[in-house]
Amino acid sequence: SAIAARFTLFTVALLIGLPAWAGAPPACLDPGDQWSWSHPMPHGHSGQVVRWIPEQGEFVAMGDAVLTTTDGVTWTPGHVFAPWMVMDFHWDGSAYVAVAVDVSRYNGRILRSTDLITWIEVHTGVPALHGVTWNGTRYVAVGIYGTILTSVDGVSWSEGTSGSASSFLGVAWSGSQFAAVGSPSALLTSPDGLKWTTRPAPEANKAVDQVVWTGSEFVAFGLMSEVWVSADGVVWEARATGATATISTGGLANGELFAIGSGPDRVNIYRSIDGVTWSRTMAPQSIRAVASNGLILVGVGESGGAHLAEQGVEWVRSQDPF
């Protein structure tokens, strides 16, 4: 329905010194448990990824449009990508590079912008792309059918060879190695983004959606109740999260891991500082990605209405505000 694709944004307080708009948290709450619904703007859009950009002093969210905010409350709409959907983007200090898919989810393109206003298609005619990262000297973008693309400037791209026909949905850089993850149970590593090696997965036939580097290990998320972890990208193991619902994706925000899963009429978010001990909080429906600036946590996704919680305990669906 039209309602189901609307862009809803949520914020949560992370520190004891909350902004005035968030209200004072009860002493019994852990930071990250008290969520409030934030204004969805513009209407009719969905979000796939959000990042805090320190140099710009703002959160940047992308999906089928660009939205920005400095405080998580007031959002400014920007460029509209629709009917294309941005699945991931990276800021390298001078430009944004985004990877996108079309409505069929089979075709991909790469876009670049220095100001979030003017976007240039720098590479087209490739299978759907889902992940992109930057190691300081080279971009790596990954997608379906084993697609690997690389670029040293974000403008000119070359097709690489992954040696796999799997669909790769996420890629991360550790400081010494790229790791790409995908489905079914697909793991690749590369020291330079050019030569890739297949690594054995800890479990078979899993749809792995995302991977992050925490500073000490890779953590991969997917359609499973656990996460996969690896200190070197070579040897991986499954690690329990205590999830009672299937995890759909995850991410890293302000040094904290978030495993995002769906449950009946709500979303379970499992949080961990060390990747070993996880705690669950209930959050608004259909959060897809999170980001933090150290003061607030922002989540974006698709939702048919507003979701809010009193003291972070019980989430209720409000009247459709659209």
C-alpha atoms as a PDB file:
ATOM      1  CA  SER A   1       0.000   0.000   0.000  1.00  0.00           C
ATOM      2  CA  ALA A   2       1.005   3.632  -0.256  1.00  0.00           C
ATOM      3  CA  ILE A   3       1.232   3.810   3.492  1.00  0.00           C
ATOM      4  CA  ALA A   4       3.666   0.907   3.700  1.00  0.00           C
ATOM      5  CA  ALA A   5       6.401   2.705   1.790  1.00  0.00           C
ATOM      6  CA  ARG A   6       6.507   5.859   3.834  1.00  0.00           C
ATOM      7  CA  PHE A   7       9.750   7.086   5.285  1.00  0.00           C
ATOM      8  CA  THR A   8       9.539   7.104   9.071  1.00  0.00           C
ATOM      9  CA  LEU A   9      12.401   8.246  11.239  1.00  0.00           C
ATOM     10  CA  PHE A  10      13.073   7.532  14.855  1.00  0.00           C
ATOM     11  CA  THR A  11      15.451   8.892  17.472  1.00  0.00           C
ATOM     12  CA  VAL A  12      16.653   7.519  20.758  1.00  0.00           C
ATOM     13  CA  ALA A  13      18.660   9.079  23.539  1.00  0.00           C
ATOM     14  CA  LEU A  14      22.109   7.587  24.115  1.00  0.00           C
ATOM     15  CA  LEU A  15      23.568   9.651  26.913  1.00  0.00           C
ATOM     16  CA  ILE A  16      22.296  10.880  30.241  1.00  0.00           C
ATOM     17  CA  GLY A  17      22.575  14.493  29.089  1.00  0.00           C
ATOM     18  CA  LEU A  18      19.634  14.386  26.703  1.00  0.00           C
ATOM     19  CA  PRO A  19      18.526  17.152  24.387  1.00  0.00           C
ATOM     20  CA  ALA A  20      15.511  18.995  25.761  1.00  0.00           C
ATOM     21  CA  TRP A  21      13.242  17.543  23.071  1.00  0.00           C
ATOM     22  CA  ALA A  22      13.843  13.976  24.225  1.00  0.00           C
ATOM     23  CA  GLY A  23      12.850  14.408  27.855  1.00  0.00           C
ATOM     24  CA  ALA A  24      14.659  13.047  30.890  1.00  0.00           C
ATOM     25  CA  PRO A  25      15.150   9.253  30.947  1.00  0.00           C
ATOM     26  CA  PRO A  26      14.077   7.254  33.983  1.00  0.00           C
ATOM     27  CA  ALA A  27      17.024   5.976  35.994  1.00  0.00           C
ATOM     28  CA  CYS A  28      16.002   2.377  35.296  1.00  0.00           C
ATOM     29  CA  LEU A  29      16.497   2.697  31.552  1.00  0.00           C
ATOM     30  CA  ASP A  30      19.620   1.843  29.653  1.00  0.00           C
ATOM     31  CA  PRO A  31      20.586   4.447  27.054  1.00  0.00           C
ATOM     32  CA  GLY A  32      19.075   3.348  23.777  1.00  0.00           C
ATOM     33  CA  ASP A  33      15.827   2.068  25.273  1.00  0.00           C
ATOM     34  CA  GLN A  34      13.846   5.300  25.135  1.00  0.00           C
ATOM     35  CA  TRP A  35      12.676   5.923  21.592  1.00  0.00           C
ATOM     36  CA  SER A  36      10.505   8.714  20.216  1.00  0.00           C
ATOM     37  CA  TRP A  37       8.914   9.072  16.811  1.00  0.00           C
ATOM     38  CA  SER A  38      10.415  11.792  14.654  1.00  0.00           C
ATOM     39  CA  HIS A  39       8.780  13.701  11.819  1.00  0.00           C
ATOM     40  CA  PRO A  40       8.627  11.680   8.566  1.00  0.00           C
ATOM     41  CA  MET A  41       9.775  14.013   5.794  1.00  0.00           C
ATOM     42  CA  PRO A  42       9.193  13.962   2.960  1.00  0.00           C
ATOM     43  CA  HIS A  43       6.151  11.684   2.817  1.00  0.00           C
ATOM     44  CA  GLY A  44       6.131   8.595   0.644  1.00  0.00           C
ATOM     45  CA  HIS A  45       9.790   7.580   0.881  1.00  0.00           C
ATOM     46  CA  SER A  46      11.678   4.695   2.455  1.00  0.00           C
ATOM     47  CA  GLY A  47      15.105   4.578   4.056  1.00  0.00           C
ATOM     48  CA  GLN A  48      17.776   1.912   3.662  1.00  0.00           C
ATOM     49  CA  VAL A  49      20.880   3.411   5.266  1.00  0.00           C
ATOM     50  CA  VAL A  50      21.801   6.287   7.584  1.00  0.00           C
ATOM     51  CA  ARG A  51      25.217   7.569   8.660  1.00  0.00           C
ATOM     52  CA  TRP A  52      26.589  10.306  10.880  1.00  0.00           C
ATOM     53  CA  ILE A  53      28.976  12.535   8.884  1.00  0.00           C
ATOM     54  CA  PRO A  54      31.211  14.331  11.424  1.00  0.00           C
ATOM     55  CA  GLU A  55      32.708  16.755   8.914  1.00  0.00           C
ATOM     56  CA  GLN A  56      29.231  17.925   7.967  1.00  0.00           C
ATOM     57  CA  GLY A  57      27.807  17.751  11.476  1.00  0.00           C
ATOM     58  CA  GLU A  58      24.699  15.921  10.303  1.00  0.00           C
ATOM     59  CA  PHE A  59      23.035  12.572   9.791  1.00  0.00           C
ATOM     60  CA  VAL A  60      22.545  11.590   6.169  1.00  0.00           C
ATOM     61  CA  ALA A  61      19.855   9.042   5.324  1.00  0.00           C
ATOM     62  CA  MET A  62      19.312   7.516   1.907  1.00  0.00           C
ATOM     63  CA  GLY A  63      16.850   5.171   0.278  1.00  0.00           C
ATOM     64  CA  ASP A  64      14.774   6.417  -2.607  1.00  0.00           C
ATOM     65  CA  ALA A  65      15.621   9.973  -1.480  1.00  0.00           C
ATOM     66  CA  VAL A  66      18.159  11.916   0.607  1.00  0.00           C
ATOM     67  CA  LEU A  67      17.243  13.295   4.013  1.00  0.00           C
ATOM     68  CA  THR A  68      19.514  15.126   6.447  1.00  0.00           C
ATOM     69  CA  THR A  69      19.239  16.229  10.062  1.00  0.00           C
ATOM     70  CA  THR A  70      21.512  17.664  12.726  1.00  0.00           C
ATOM     71  CA  ASP A  71      19.345  16.756  15.719  1.00  0.00           C
ATOM     72  CA  GLY A  72      17.178  13.826  14.628  1.00  0.00           C
ATOM     73  CA  VAL A  73      14.055  15.977  14.885  1.00  0.00           C
ATOM     74  CA  THR A  74      14.024  18.366  11.954  1.00  0.00           C
ATOM     75  CA  TRP A  75      14.755  16.641   8.656  1.00  0.00           C
ATOM     76  CA  THR A  76      15.575  18.327   5.355  1.00  0.00           C
ATOM     77  CA  PRO A  77      14.576  16.526   2.143  1.00  0.00           C
ATOM     78  CA  GLY A  78      17.003  16.412  -0.733  1.00  0.00           C
ATOM     79  CA  HIS A  79      17.580  14.638  -4.017  1.00  0.00           C
ATOM     80  CA  VAL A  80      15.023  11.990  -5.001  1.00  0.00           C
ATOM     81  CA  PHE A  81      16.485   8.780  -6.459  1.00  0.00           C
ATOM     82  CA  ALA A  82      13.150   7.034  -7.123  1.00  0.00           C
ATOM     83  CA  PRO A  83      12.453   4.766  -8.902  1.00  0.00           C
ATOM     84  CA  TRP A  84      15.990   3.774  -7.925  1.00  0.00           C
ATOM     85  CA  MET A  85      16.786   2.785  -4.341  1.00  0.00           C
ATOM     86  CA  VAL A  86      20.146   3.545  -2.721  1.00  0.00           C
ATOM     87  CA  MET A  87      21.203   0.470  -0.757  1.00  0.00           C
ATOM     88  CA  ASP A  88      24.456   1.815   0.702  1.00  0.00           C
ATOM     89  CA  PHE A  89      26.714   4.851   0.536  1.00  0.00           C
ATOM     90  CA  HIS A  90      30.091   6.051   1.777  1.00  0.00           C
ATOM     91  CA  TRP A  91      31.537   9.492   2.497  1.00  0.00           C
ATOM     92  CA  ASP A  92      35.284   9.639   1.761  1.00  0.00           C
ATOM     93  CA  GLY A  93      35.894  13.144   3.062  1.00  0.00           C
ATOM     94  CA  SER A  94      35.210  14.947  -0.198  1.00  0.00           C
ATOM     95  CA  ALA A  95      32.342  13.122  -1.916  1.00  0.00           C
ATOM     96  CA  TYR A  96      29.478  10.701  -1.366  1.00  0.00           C
ATOM     97  CA  VAL A  97      29.480   7.488  -3.388  1.00  0.00           C
ATOM     98  CA  ALA A  98      26.205   5.554  -3.423  1.00  0.00           C
ATOM     99  CA  VAL A  99      25.199   2.194  -4.888  1.00  0.00           C
ATOM    100  CA  ALA A 100      21.624   1.689  -6.039  1.00  0.00           C
ATOM    101  CA  VAL A 101      19.198  -0.844  -7.484  1.00  0.00           C
ATOM    102  CA  ASP A 102      16.176  -0.352  -9.733  1.00  0.00           C
ATOM    103  CA  VAL A 103      12.634  -1.480  -8.982  1.00  0.00           C
ATOM    104  CA  SER A 104      13.319  -4.930 -10.440  1.00  0.00           C
ATOM    105  CA  ARG A 105      16.220  -5.340  -7.955  1.00  0.00           C
ATOM    106  CA  TYR A 106      18.327  -6.774 -10.789  1.00  0.00           C
ATOM    107  CA  ASN A 107      20.010  -3.680 -12.235  1.00  0.00           C
ATOM    108  CA  GLY A 108      22.525  -1.472 -10.484  1.00  0.00           C
ATOM    109  CA  ARG A 109      24.291   1.841 -10.797  1.00  0.00           C
ATOM    110  CA  ILE A 110      26.800   3.969  -8.913  1.00  0.00           C
ATOM    111  CA  LEU A 111      26.217   7.638  -8.186  1.00  0.00           C
ATOM    112  CA  ARG A 112      28.519  10.347  -6.832  1.00  0.00           C
ATOM    113  CA  SER A 113      27.914  13.744  -5.263  1.00  0.00           C
ATOM    114  CA  THR A 114      29.988  16.329  -3.414  1.00  0.00           C
ATOM    115  CA  ASP A 115      27.019  18.238  -1.974  1.00  0.00           C
ATOM    116  CA  LEU A 116      24.068  15.762  -1.796  1.00  0.00           C
ATOM    117  CA  ILE A 117      22.237  17.990  -4.289  1.00  0.00           C
ATOM    118  CA  THR A 118      23.799  17.243  -7.652  1.00  0.00           C
ATOM    119  CA  TRP A 119      24.342  13.548  -8.355  1.00  0.00           C
ATOM    120  CA  ILE A 120      26.252  12.090 -11.288  1.00  0.00           C
ATOM    121  CA  GLU A 121      25.819   8.533 -12.532  1.00  0.00           C
ATOM    122  CA  VAL A 122      29.400   7.359 -12.757  1.00  0.00           C
ATOM    123  CA  HIS A 123      28.752   3.687 -13.565  1.00  0.00           C
ATOM    124  CA  THR A 124      25.697   1.922 -15.005  1.00  0.00           C
ATOM    125  CA  GLY A 125      24.803  -1.289 -16.800  1.00  0.00           C
ATOM    126  CA  VAL A 126      25.796  -3.612 -13.958  1.00  0.00           C
ATOM    127  CA  PRO A 127      23.849  -6.075 -11.789  1.00  0.00           C
ATOM    128  CA  ALA A 128      22.178  -4.757  -8.639  1.00  0.00           C
ATOM    129  CA  LEU A 129      24.678  -3.340  -6.134  1.00  0.00           C
ATOM    130  CA  HIS A 130      24.102  -3.571  -2.384  1.00  0.00           C
ATOM    131  CA  GLY A 131      27.278  -2.555  -0.560  1.00  0.00           C
ATOM    132  CA  VAL A 132      30.170  -0.115  -0.865  1.00  0.00           C
ATOM    133  CA  THR A 133      33.148   0.838   1.281  1.00  0.00           C
ATOM    134  CA  TRP A 134      36.425   2.774   1.075  1.00  0.00           C
ATOM    135  CA  ASN A 135      39.834   1.894   2.526  1.00  0.00           C
ATOM    136  CA  GLY A 136      41.421   5.287   2.001  1.00  0.00           C
ATOM    137  CA  THR A 137      42.808   4.521  -1.451  1.00  0.00           C
ATOM    138  CA  ARG A 138      40.236   2.288  -3.142  1.00  0.00           C
ATOM    139  CA  TYR A 139      36.472   1.867  -3.251  1.00  0.00           C
ATOM    140  CA  VAL A 140      34.923  -1.602  -3.402  1.00  0.00           C
ATOM    141  CA  ALA A 141      31.282  -2.124  -4.398  1.00  0.00           C
ATOM    142  CA  VAL A 142      29.562  -5.516  -4.276  1.00  0.00           C
ATOM    143  CA  GLY A 143      26.344  -6.918  -5.708  1.00  0.00           C
ATOM    144  CA  ILE A 144      24.435  -9.894  -7.028  1.00  0.00           C
ATOM    145  CA  TYR A 145      25.904 -12.573  -9.330  1.00  0.00           C
ATOM    146  CA  GLY A 146      29.269 -12.204  -7.616  1.00  0.00           C
ATOM    147  CA  THR A 147      29.690  -8.629  -8.838  1.00  0.00           C
ATOM    148  CA  ILE A 148      32.773  -6.765  -7.590  1.00  0.00           C
ATOM    149  CA  LEU A 149      33.633  -3.245  -8.755  1.00  0.00           C
ATOM    150  CA  THR A 150      36.610  -1.119  -7.698  1.00  0.00           C
ATOM    151  CA  SER A 151      37.643   2.512  -8.080  1.00  0.00           C
ATOM    152  CA  VAL A 152      40.487   4.676  -6.795  1.00  0.00           C
ATOM    153  CA  ASP A 153      38.551   7.932  -7.165  1.00  0.00           C
ATOM    154  CA  GLY A 154      34.854   7.006  -7.040  1.00  0.00           C
ATOM    155  CA  VAL A 155      34.467   8.161 -10.660  1.00  0.00           C
ATOM    156  CA  SER A 156      36.083   5.534 -12.899  1.00  0.00           C
ATOM    157  CA  TRP A 157      35.165   1.954 -12.022  1.00  0.00           C
ATOM    158  CA  SER A 158      36.574  -1.407 -13.060  1.00  0.00           C
ATOM    159  CA  GLU A 159      34.899  -4.784 -12.857  1.00  0.00           C
ATOM    160  CA  GLY A 160      36.726  -7.294 -10.703  1.00  0.00           C
ATOM    161  CA  THR A 161      36.583 -11.064 -10.390  1.00  0.00           C
ATOM    162  CA  SER A 162      35.147 -12.554  -7.235  1.00  0.00           C
ATOM    163  CA  GLY A 163      35.276 -16.160  -8.373  1.00  0.00           C
ATOM    164  CA  SER A 164      31.751 -16.610  -7.049  1.00  0.00           C
ATOM    165  CA  ALA A 165      28.206 -16.438  -8.399  1.00  0.00           C
ATOM    166  CA  SER A 166      26.727 -15.611  -4.985  1.00  0.00           C
ATOM    167  CA  SER A 167      24.840 -12.415  -4.251  1.00  0.00           C
ATOM    168  CA  PHE A 168      27.023 -10.143  -2.129  1.00  0.00           C
ATOM    169  CA  LEU A 169      25.097  -7.698   0.031  1.00  0.00           C
ATOM    170  CA  GLY A 170      27.686  -6.107   2.325  1.00  0.00           C
ATOM    171  CA  VAL A 171      31.368  -5.204   2.438  1.00  0.00           C
ATOM    172  CA  ALA A 172      33.665  -3.773   5.122  1.00  0.00           C
ATOM    173  CA  TRP A 173      37.320  -2.798   5.563  1.00  0.00           C
ATOM    174  CA  SER A 174      39.319  -3.728   8.666  1.00  0.00           C
ATOM    175  CA  GLY A 175      42.430  -1.668   8.077  1.00  0.00           C
ATOM    176  CA  SER A 176      44.186  -4.564   6.380  1.00  0.00           C
ATOM    177  CA  GLN A 177      41.488  -6.572   4.623  1.00  0.00           C
ATOM    178  CA  PHE A 178      38.150  -6.273   2.866  1.00  0.00           C
ATOM    179  CA  ALA A 179      35.441  -8.750   3.793  1.00  0.00           C
ATOM    180  CA  ALA A 180      32.353  -9.248   1.617  1.00  0.00           C
ATOM    181  CA  VAL A 181      29.308 -11.227   2.736  1.00  0.00           C
ATOM    182  CA  GLY A 182      26.254 -12.530   0.931  1.00  0.00           C
ATOM    183  CA  SER A 183      23.920 -15.368   0.130  1.00  0.00           C
ATOM    184  CA  PRO A 184      23.965 -18.296   0.383  1.00  0.00           C
ATOM    185  CA  SER A 185      26.546 -18.268   3.212  1.00  0.00           C
ATOM    186  CA  ALA A 186      29.019 -16.400   1.040  1.00  0.00           C
ATOM    187  CA  LEU A 187      32.262 -15.005   2.480  1.00  0.00           C
ATOM    188  CA  LEU A 188      35.117 -13.380   0.569  1.00  0.00           C
ATOM    189  CA  THR A 189      38.258 -11.538   1.667  1.00  0.00           C
ATOM    190  CA  SER A 190      40.807  -9.422  -0.142  1.00  0.00           C
ATOM    191  CA  PRO A 191      43.810  -7.388   1.008  1.00  0.00           C
ATOM    192  CA  ASP A 192      43.486  -4.929  -1.880  1.00  0.00           C
ATOM    193  CA  GLY A 193      39.991  -5.300  -3.379  1.00  0.00           C
ATOM    194  CA  LEU A 194      41.456  -6.896  -6.506  1.00  0.00           C
ATOM    195  CA  LYS A 195      42.265 -10.492  -5.605  1.00  0.00           C
ATOM    196  CA  TRP A 196      39.537 -12.292  -3.650  1.00  0.00           C
ATOM    197  CA  THR A 197      39.564 -15.540  -1.678  1.00  0.00           C
ATOM    198  CA  THR A 198      36.511 -17.574  -0.682  1.00  0.00           C
ATOM    199  CA  ARG A 199      36.337 -18.381   3.030  1.00  0.00           C
ATOM    200  CA  PRO A 200      34.410 -21.225   4.691  1.00  0.00           C
ATOM    201  CA  ALA A 201      31.192 -20.185   6.411  1.00  0.00           C
ATOM    202  CA  PRO A 202      30.283 -21.434   9.892  1.00  0.00           C
ATOM    203  CA  GLU A 203      26.777 -22.393   8.705  1.00  0.00           C
ATOM    204  CA  ALA A 204      25.294 -23.358   5.337  1.00  0.00           C
ATOM    205  CA  ASN A 205      22.477 -21.766   3.365  1.00  0.00           C
ATOM    206  CA  LYS A 206      22.251 -18.508   5.299  1.00  0.00           C
ATOM    207  CA  ALA A 207      21.316 -15.141   3.786  1.00  0.00           C
ATOM    208  CA  VAL A 208      24.002 -12.809   5.161  1.00  0.00           C
ATOM    209  CA  ASP A 209      23.009  -9.184   4.697  1.00  0.00           C
ATOM    210  CA  GLN A 210      25.608  -6.916   6.288  1.00  0.00           C
ATOM    211  CA  VAL A 211      29.112  -6.846   7.754  1.00  0.00           C
ATOM    212  CA  VAL A 212      30.919  -4.279   9.909  1.00  0.00           C
ATOM    213  CA  TRP A 213      34.378  -3.933  11.415  1.00  0.00           C
ATOM    214  CA  THR A 214      34.294  -3.100  15.130  1.00  0.00           C
ATOM    215  CA  GLY A 215      37.966  -2.274  15.528  1.00  0.00           C
ATOM    216  CA  SER A 216      38.832  -5.795  16.622  1.00  0.00           C
ATOM    217  CA  GLU A 217      36.656  -8.144  14.553  1.00  0.00           C
ATOM    218  CA  PHE A 218      34.274  -8.447  11.646  1.00  0.00           C
ATOM    219  CA  VAL A 219      30.635  -8.995  12.617  1.00  0.00           C
ATOM    220  CA  ALA A 220      28.180 -10.233   9.972  1.00  0.00           C
ATOM    221  CA  PHE A 221      24.385 -10.114  10.228  1.00  0.00           C
ATOM    222  CA  GLY A 222      21.715 -11.941   8.262  1.00  0.00           C
ATOM    223  CA  LEU A 223      18.534 -13.990   8.355  1.00  0.00           C
ATOM    224  CA  MET A 224      19.519 -16.011  11.401  1.00  0.00           C
ATOM    225  CA  SER A 225      19.314 -15.657  15.176  1.00  0.00           C
ATOM    226  CA  GLU A 226      23.071 -15.367  15.675  1.00  0.00           C
ATOM    227  CA  VAL A 227      25.880 -13.270  14.229  1.00  0.00           C
ATOM    228  CA  TRP A 228      29.047 -14.432  12.510  1.00  0.00           C
ATOM    229  CA  VAL A 229      32.341 -13.076  13.801  1.00  0.00           C
ATOM    230  CA  SER A 230      35.955 -13.174  12.644  1.00  0.00           C
ATOM    231  CA  ALA A 231      39.089 -11.432  13.846  1.00  0.00           C
ATOM    232  CA  ASP A 232      40.897 -11.857  10.516  1.00  0.00           C
ATOM    233  CA  GLY A 233      38.150 -12.490   7.937  1.00  0.00           C
ATOM    234  CA  VAL A 234      39.565 -15.972   7.369  1.00  0.00           C
ATOM    235  CA  VAL A 235      38.151 -18.054  10.232  1.00  0.00           C
ATOM    236  CA  TRP A 236      34.518 -17.332  11.114  1.00  0.00           C
ATOM    237  CA  GLU A 237      32.317 -18.598  13.922  1.00  0.00           C
ATOM    238  CA  ALA A 238      28.644 -18.238  14.805  1.00  0.00           C
ATOM    239  CA  ARG A 239      27.966 -16.391  18.044  1.00  0.00           C
ATOM    240  CA  ALA A 240      24.625 -16.381  19.883  1.00  0.00           C
ATOM    241  CA  THR A 241      22.749 -13.128  20.444  1.00  0.00           C
ATOM    242  CA  GLY A 242      19.886 -14.522  22.476  1.00  0.00           C
ATOM    243  CA  ALA A 243      17.534 -13.422  19.703  1.00  0.00           C
ATOM    244  CA  THR A 244      14.053 -14.896  19.887  1.00  0.00           C
ATOM    245  CA  ALA A 245      13.204 -13.603  16.417  1.00  0.00           C
ATOM    246  CA  THR A 246      15.102 -13.823  13.160  1.00  0.00           C
ATOM    247  CA  ILE A 247      17.642 -11.055  12.712  1.00  0.00           C
ATOM    248  CA  SER A 248      17.221  -9.253   9.416  1.00  0.00           C
ATOM    249  CA  THR A 249      20.248  -6.942   9.406  1.00  0.00           C
ATOM    250  CA  GLY A 250      22.549  -5.004  11.715  1.00  0.00           C
ATOM    251  CA  GLY A 251      25.123  -2.312  12.066  1.00  0.00           C
ATOM    252  CA  LEU A 252      27.609  -0.435  14.209  1.00  0.00           C
ATOM    253  CA  ALA A 253      26.787   2.927  15.804  1.00  0.00           C
ATOM    254  CA  ASN A 254      29.107   4.816  18.163  1.00  0.00           C
ATOM    255  CA  GLY A 255      31.038   1.625  18.924  1.00  0.00           C
ATOM    256  CA  GLU A 256      27.906  -0.381  19.749  1.00  0.00           C
ATOM    257  CA  LEU A 257      26.584  -3.276  17.689  1.00  0.00           C
ATOM    258  CA  PHE A 258      22.916  -3.409  16.763  1.00  0.00           C
ATOM    259  CA  ALA A 259      21.300  -6.578  15.427  1.00  0.00           C
ATOM    260  CA  ILE A 260      17.900  -5.698  13.995  1.00  0.00           C
ATOM    261  CA  GLY A 261      15.237  -8.346  13.787  1.00  0.00           C
ATOM    262  CA  SER A 262      11.491  -8.476  13.239  1.00  0.00           C
ATOM    263  CA  GLY A 263       8.835  -9.829  15.551  1.00  0.00           C
ATOM    264  CA  PRO A 264       5.016  -9.714  15.537  1.00  0.00           C
ATOM    265  CA  ASP A 265       4.011  -6.090  14.948  1.00  0.00           C
ATOM    266  CA  ARG A 266       7.276  -4.719  16.321  1.00  0.00           C
ATOM    267  CA  VAL A 267      11.035  -4.879  15.940  1.00  0.00           C
ATOM    268  CA  ASN A 268      13.501  -6.462  18.328  1.00  0.00           C
ATOM    269  CA  ILE A 269      16.858  -4.708  18.518  1.00  0.00           C
ATOM    270  CA  TYR A 270      19.723  -6.590  20.154  1.00  0.00           C
ATOM    271  CA  ARG A 271      22.531  -4.350  21.398  1.00  0.00           C
ATOM    272  CA  SER A 272      26.095  -5.257  22.352  1.00  0.00           C
ATOM    273  CA  ILE A 273      29.260  -3.385  23.257  1.00  0.00           C
ATOM    274  CA  ASP A 274      31.583  -6.376  22.882  1.00  0.00           C
ATOM    275  CA  GLY A 275      29.718  -8.640  20.438  1.00  0.00           C
ATOM    276  CA  VAL A 276      29.427 -11.295  23.163  1.00  0.00           C
ATOM    277  CA  THR A 277      26.811 -10.061  25.623  1.00  0.00           C
ATOM    278  CA  TRP A 278      23.584  -8.846  24.015  1.00  0.00           C
ATOM    279  CA  SER A 279      20.516  -7.137  25.440  1.00  0.00           C
ATOM    280  CA  ARG A 280      17.144  -6.689  23.799  1.00  0.00           C
ATOM    281  CA  THR A 281      15.040  -3.577  23.488  1.00  0.00           C
ATOM    282  CA  MET A 282      11.762  -3.081  21.670  1.00  0.00           C
ATOM    283  CA  ALA A 283      11.742  -0.410  19.002  1.00  0.00           C
ATOM    284  CA  PRO A 284       9.476   1.078  16.325  1.00  0.00           C
ATOM    285  CA  GLN A 285       8.403  -1.178  13.515  1.00  0.00           C
ATOM    286  CA  SER A 286      10.477  -1.573  10.372  1.00  0.00           C
ATOM    287  CA  ILE A 287      13.765   0.012  11.364  1.00  0.00           C
ATOM    288  CA  ARG A 288      16.319  -0.867   8.732  1.00  0.00           C
ATOM    289  CA  ALA A 289      19.495   0.953   9.808  1.00  0.00           C
ATOM    290  CA  VAL A 290      20.869   2.982  12.711  1.00  0.00           C
ATOM    291  CA  ALA A 291      23.529   5.652  13.221  1.00  0.00           C
ATOM    292  CA  SER A 292      24.792   7.664  16.182  1.00  0.00           C
ATOM    293  CA  ASN A 293      26.693  10.875  16.822  1.00  0.00           C
ATOM    294  CA  GLY A 294      27.390   9.935  20.437  1.00  0.00           C
ATOM    295  CA  LEU A 295      24.388  11.869  21.710  1.00  0.00           C
ATOM    296  CA  ILE A 296      21.426  10.458  19.830  1.00  0.00           C
ATOM    297  CA  LEU A 297      20.702   7.305  17.917  1.00  0.00           C
ATOM    298  CA  VAL A 298      18.749   7.630  14.677  1.00  0.00           C
ATOM    299  CA  GLY A 299      16.985   4.764  12.931  1.00  0.00           C
ATOM    300  CA  VAL A 300      15.415   4.776   9.479  1.00  0.00           C
ATOM    301  CA  GLY A 301      13.117   2.392   7.682  1.00  0.00           C
ATOM    302  CA  GLU A 302       9.689   1.814   6.211  1.00  0.00           C
ATOM    303  CA  SER A 303       6.510   2.056   8.250  1.00  0.00           C
ATOM    304  CA  GLY A 304       2.808   2.591   7.786  1.00  0.00           C
ATOM    305  CA  GLY A 305       2.470   4.898  10.782  1.00  0.00           C
ATOM    306  CA  ALA A 306       4.089   6.361  13.857  1.00  0.00           C
ATOM    307  CA  HIS A 307       5.355   4.144  16.657  1.00  0.00           C
ATOM    308  CA  LEU A 308       6.196   5.477  20.085  1.00  0.00           C
ATOM    309  CA  ALA A 309       6.935   4.198  23.569  1.00  0.00           C
ATOM    310  CA  GLU A 310       6.252   5.436  27.063  1.00  0.00           C
ATOM    311  CA  GLN A 311       9.525   5.206  29.004  1.00  0.00           C
ATOM    312  CA  GLY A 312      10.901   2.742  26.483  1.00  0.00           C
ATOM    313  CA  VAL A 313       8.847  -0.117  27.884  1.00  0.00           C
ATOM    314  CA  GLU A 314       5.859  -0.755  25.635  1.00  0.00           C
ATOM    315  CA  TRP A 315       5.623   0.338  22.023  1.00  0.00           C
ATOM    316  CA  VAL A 316       2.235   1.296  20.614  1.00  0.00           C
ATOM    317  CA  ARG A 317       1.130   2.221  17.137  1.00  0.00           C
ATOM    318  CA  SER A 318      -0.366   5.676  16.961  1.00  0.00           C
ATOM    319  CA  GLN A 319      -2.951   6.910  14.492  1.00  0.00           C
ATOM    320  CA  ASP A 320      -1.610   7.064  10.961  1.00  0.00           C
ATOM    321  CA  PRO A 321      -0.190  10.614  10.732  1.00  0.00           C
ATOM    322  CA  PHE A 322      -0.141  10.739   6.931  1.00  0.00           C
END
